[in-house]
Amino acid sequence: MSQDKELTCRDCNTPFTFSASEQDFFAEKGFTNEPGRCPSCRTARKQSNDRSGGYSRGNDRPQREMHTVNCSACGKETEVPFRPSGDRPVYCRECFSQQKDRRH
């Protein structure tokens, strides 16, 4: 049976209690990490993410450069998020899925 734990919030450095019932809930859901933020910082983070239209961790990244190529299997023009080196085939989404299914 779990016991309450005192943790420290990574955002505001305030101590908070990770209760036994919360620990049981986390275990039931298969979560292996303890919460890193106190309840008020978690709520504030959720609200800011809701306003931004998505999860904000990736929003700070620059836009990915896409490269236009022809699919090695069907010849259809497609875009990929990497610069093809020419030594390996590049597939469109549909052909990639078919290739992946064949390997398994």
Protein backbone atom coordinates (compact mmCIF):
# COMPACT_ATOMS: atom_id res chain seq x y z
CA MET A 1 0.00 0.00 0.00
CA SER A 2 1.28 3.45 -0.93
CA GLN A 3 2.03 6.28 1.47
CA ASP A 4 1.89 10.03 0.85
CA LYS A 5 5.13 11.50 -0.53
CA GLU A 6 6.43 15.06 -0.38
CA LEU A 7 7.69 16.24 -3.77
CA THR A 8 9.02 19.60 -4.98
CA CYS A 9 7.55 21.35 -8.01
CA ARG A 10 10.07 21.80 -10.83
CA ASP A 11 8.48 25.12 -11.86
CA CYS A 12 7.86 26.99 -8.60
CA ASN A 13 9.96 24.91 -6.15
CA THR A 14 6.98 24.61 -3.81
CA PRO A 15 6.63 21.34 -1.89
CA PHE A 16 3.44 19.39 -2.60
CA THR A 17 1.98 16.07 -1.51
CA PHE A 18 1.75 13.16 -3.93
CA SER A 19 -0.99 11.31 -2.08
CA ALA A 20 -1.29 7.55 -1.76
CA SER A 21 -4.52 7.63 -3.79
CA GLU A 22 -2.81 9.63 -6.56
CA GLN A 23 0.05 7.11 -6.57
CA ASP A 24 -2.45 4.27 -6.91
CA PHE A 25 -4.16 6.12 -9.76
CA PHE A 26 -0.82 6.68 -11.52
CA ALA A 27 0.05 2.99 -11.11
CA GLU A 28 -3.37 1.93 -12.41
CA LYS A 29 -2.87 4.07 -15.53
CA GLY A 30 0.63 2.63 -16.06
CA PHE A 31 2.44 5.92 -15.37
CA THR A 32 5.96 5.24 -14.14
CA ASN A 33 7.08 8.80 -13.36
CA GLU A 34 5.98 10.88 -10.40
CA PRO A 35 4.44 14.27 -11.17
CA GLY A 36 7.06 16.99 -11.54
CA ARG A 37 4.71 19.92 -11.01
CA CYS A 38 2.41 20.90 -8.15
CA PRO A 39 -1.35 20.89 -8.86
CA SER A 40 -1.52 24.67 -9.40
CA CYS A 41 1.39 24.64 -11.90
CA ARG A 42 -0.15 21.63 -13.68
CA THR A 43 -3.45 23.51 -13.98
CA ALA A 44 -1.73 26.68 -15.21
CA ARG A 45 0.24 24.67 -17.78
CA LYS A 46 -2.90 22.91 -19.04
CA GLN A 47 -4.72 26.23 -19.40
CA SER A 48 -1.85 27.82 -21.32
CA ASN A 49 -1.70 24.77 -23.62
CA ASP A 50 -5.44 24.95 -24.25
CA ARG A 51 -5.12 28.59 -25.32
CA SER A 52 -2.19 27.89 -27.61
CA GLY A 53 -4.16 25.29 -29.53
CA GLY A 54 -1.95 22.35 -28.65
CA TYR A 55 0.84 20.98 -26.60
CA SER A 56 3.38 23.77 -26.29
CA ARG A 57 6.61 21.79 -26.02
CA GLY A 58 6.91 21.54 -29.79
CA ASN A 59 5.74 25.09 -30.49
CA ASP A 60 9.16 26.52 -29.64
CA ARG A 61 10.81 24.53 -32.42
CA PRO A 62 11.46 26.11 -35.80
CA GLN A 63 9.24 24.97 -38.66
CA ARG A 64 10.58 21.79 -40.27
CA GLU A 65 12.02 22.17 -43.74
CA MET A 66 10.23 19.85 -46.16
CA HIS A 67 11.82 18.45 -49.33
CA THR A 68 9.90 17.50 -52.47
CA VAL A 69 10.79 14.09 -53.94
CA ASN A 70 9.25 11.43 -56.16
CA CYS A 71 8.23 8.19 -54.45
CA SER A 72 10.62 5.36 -55.28
CA ALA A 73 7.72 2.90 -55.58
CA CYS A 74 4.87 4.70 -57.37
CA GLY A 75 6.58 7.84 -58.69
CA LYS A 76 4.08 10.20 -57.06
CA GLU A 77 5.45 13.56 -55.90
CA THR A 78 5.57 13.81 -52.10
CA GLU A 79 7.25 15.82 -49.34
CA VAL A 80 9.55 14.44 -46.66
CA PRO A 81 11.03 16.14 -43.55
CA PHE A 82 14.61 15.21 -44.42
CA ARG A 83 17.04 15.82 -47.27
CA PRO A 84 17.23 12.56 -49.25
CA SER A 85 20.81 11.43 -49.79
CA GLY A 86 20.00 9.43 -52.93
CA ASP A 87 21.46 6.16 -51.66
CA ARG A 88 18.18 4.86 -50.20
CA PRO A 89 14.62 4.73 -51.54
CA VAL A 90 12.13 7.39 -50.40
CA TYR A 91 8.42 6.54 -50.29
CA CYS A 92 5.16 8.49 -50.16
CA ARG A 93 2.97 7.88 -47.12
CA GLU A 94 0.92 5.12 -48.78
CA CYS A 95 3.90 3.20 -50.15
CA PHE A 96 5.79 3.61 -46.88
CA SER A 97 2.86 2.01 -45.03
CA GLN A 98 2.86 -0.89 -47.50
CA GLN A 99 6.62 -1.35 -47.11
CA LYS A 100 6.29 -1.29 -43.32
CA ASP A 101 3.48 -3.90 -43.43
CA ARG A 102 5.63 -6.22 -45.57
CA ARG A 103 8.48 -6.12 -43.05
CA HIS A 104 6.28 -7.30 -40.16
